Protein backbone atom coordinates (compact mmCIF):
# COMPACT_ATOMS: atom_id res chain seq x y z
CA MET A 1 -12.29 -29.13 12.19
CA THR A 2 -11.65 -25.36 13.33
CA ALA A 3 -9.78 -23.80 10.49
CA SER A 4 -7.05 -21.44 12.15
CA ARG A 5 -7.90 -17.78 11.99
CA VAL A 6 -5.65 -15.99 10.54
CA PHE A 7 -4.46 -12.32 10.60
CA SER A 8 -2.38 -9.20 8.58
CA ILE A 9 0.92 -6.91 9.49
CA TYR A 10 2.41 -3.95 7.78
CA HIS A 11 5.73 -3.25 8.16
CA PRO A 12 6.32 0.39 7.45
CA HIS A 13 9.18 0.96 5.41
CA ARG A 14 10.07 -2.54 4.22
CA SER A 15 6.18 -1.57 3.01
CA GLU A 16 5.82 -5.51 3.70
CA THR A 17 2.22 -6.89 4.59
CA ILE A 18 2.77 -10.84 6.69
CA THR A 19 -0.24 -13.19 7.10
CA LEU A 20 0.58 -14.59 10.67
CA GLY A 21 -2.23 -17.07 11.79
CA THR A 22 -1.90 -18.52 15.45
CA LEU A 23 1.10 -22.05 14.82
CA THR A 24 3.49 -18.59 13.43
CA VAL A 25 2.53 -15.82 16.34
CA GLU A 26 5.15 -17.33 17.57
CA ASN A 27 7.91 -18.00 15.09
CA TYR A 28 7.04 -14.20 15.13
CA GLU A 29 10.82 -12.03 15.58
CA ARG A 30 9.97 -8.24 15.42
CA PRO A 31 12.12 -5.49 12.48
CA ALA A 32 14.86 -3.24 15.17
CA TRP A 33 13.89 0.02 14.99
CA LEU A 34 11.14 0.06 12.02
CA PHE A 35 8.56 0.90 14.59
CA ASN A 36 7.07 1.53 18.35
CA LYS A 37 3.86 1.63 18.08
CA VAL A 38 0.85 -0.53 16.76
CA VAL A 39 -2.63 0.82 15.65
CA TYR A 40 -5.45 -1.76 14.85
CA ILE A 41 -7.98 -2.20 12.01
CA GLU A 42 -10.88 -4.06 12.63
CA LYS A 43 -11.48 -2.91 8.44
CA GLU A 44 -8.96 -4.47 6.44
CA GLY A 45 -9.90 -1.78 3.48
CA PHE A 46 -8.38 0.89 6.09
CA SER A 47 -5.60 -0.62 6.58
CA GLU A 48 -5.39 -0.31 3.09
CA ALA A 49 -6.51 3.00 2.57
CA LEU A 50 -3.75 4.18 5.10
CA LYS A 51 -1.51 2.10 4.07
CA ASP A 52 -2.27 3.63 0.08
CA ALA A 53 -1.26 7.25 2.06
CA ARG A 54 1.97 6.36 3.76
CA TRP A 55 0.98 7.18 7.16
CA ALA A 56 2.37 4.82 8.53
CA GLU A 57 6.09 4.76 7.86
CA SER A 58 4.76 8.87 9.13
CA HIS A 59 4.19 7.27 12.36
CA ASP A 60 6.59 4.29 12.55
CA CYS A 61 3.57 2.70 12.56
CA MET A 62 3.15 -1.24 12.66
CA LEU A 63 -0.57 -1.65 11.32
CA MET A 64 -2.25 -4.83 12.16
CA SER A 65 -6.24 -6.27 11.25
CA SER A 66 -7.74 -8.97 11.18
CA LYS A 67 -10.93 -9.02 8.64
CA GLY A 68 -12.99 -7.66 11.23
CA PHE A 69 -13.21 -10.20 14.19
CA SER A 70 -10.23 -10.37 16.15
CA THR A 71 -7.88 -13.56 16.97
CA ARG A 72 -6.11 -15.10 19.80
CA ALA A 73 -3.71 -14.99 17.59
CA ALA A 74 -3.28 -10.79 17.10
CA ARG A 75 -3.53 -10.68 20.81
CA ASP A 76 -0.79 -13.46 21.96
CA LEU A 77 1.35 -10.93 19.44
CA VAL A 78 0.71 -7.79 20.34
CA ASP A 79 1.73 -9.24 24.21
CA LYS A 80 4.70 -10.69 22.62
CA LEU A 81 5.72 -6.77 21.91
CA ALA A 82 4.61 -5.92 24.56
CA GLU A 83 7.63 -8.58 26.02
CA HIS A 84 10.61 -7.41 23.54
CA ASP A 85 12.24 -3.60 24.20
């Protein structure tokens, strides 16, 4: 049995970290007007450093981290965000 891979996203201006997996990306709804960019970070420690510095808020940027490996769910979320206004 294969475990579902997960990754996390950080919403700026809400200080909210959300863990998503292959099954939950489909139901994800982008919050209006919180960000207009996405930065994908392979090393989760770098993501935490940017959160602590409030870099995402300064740049209206959602942070994505998948703990060093790419997942299909992360690619699906990027595709979904690209379709959004």
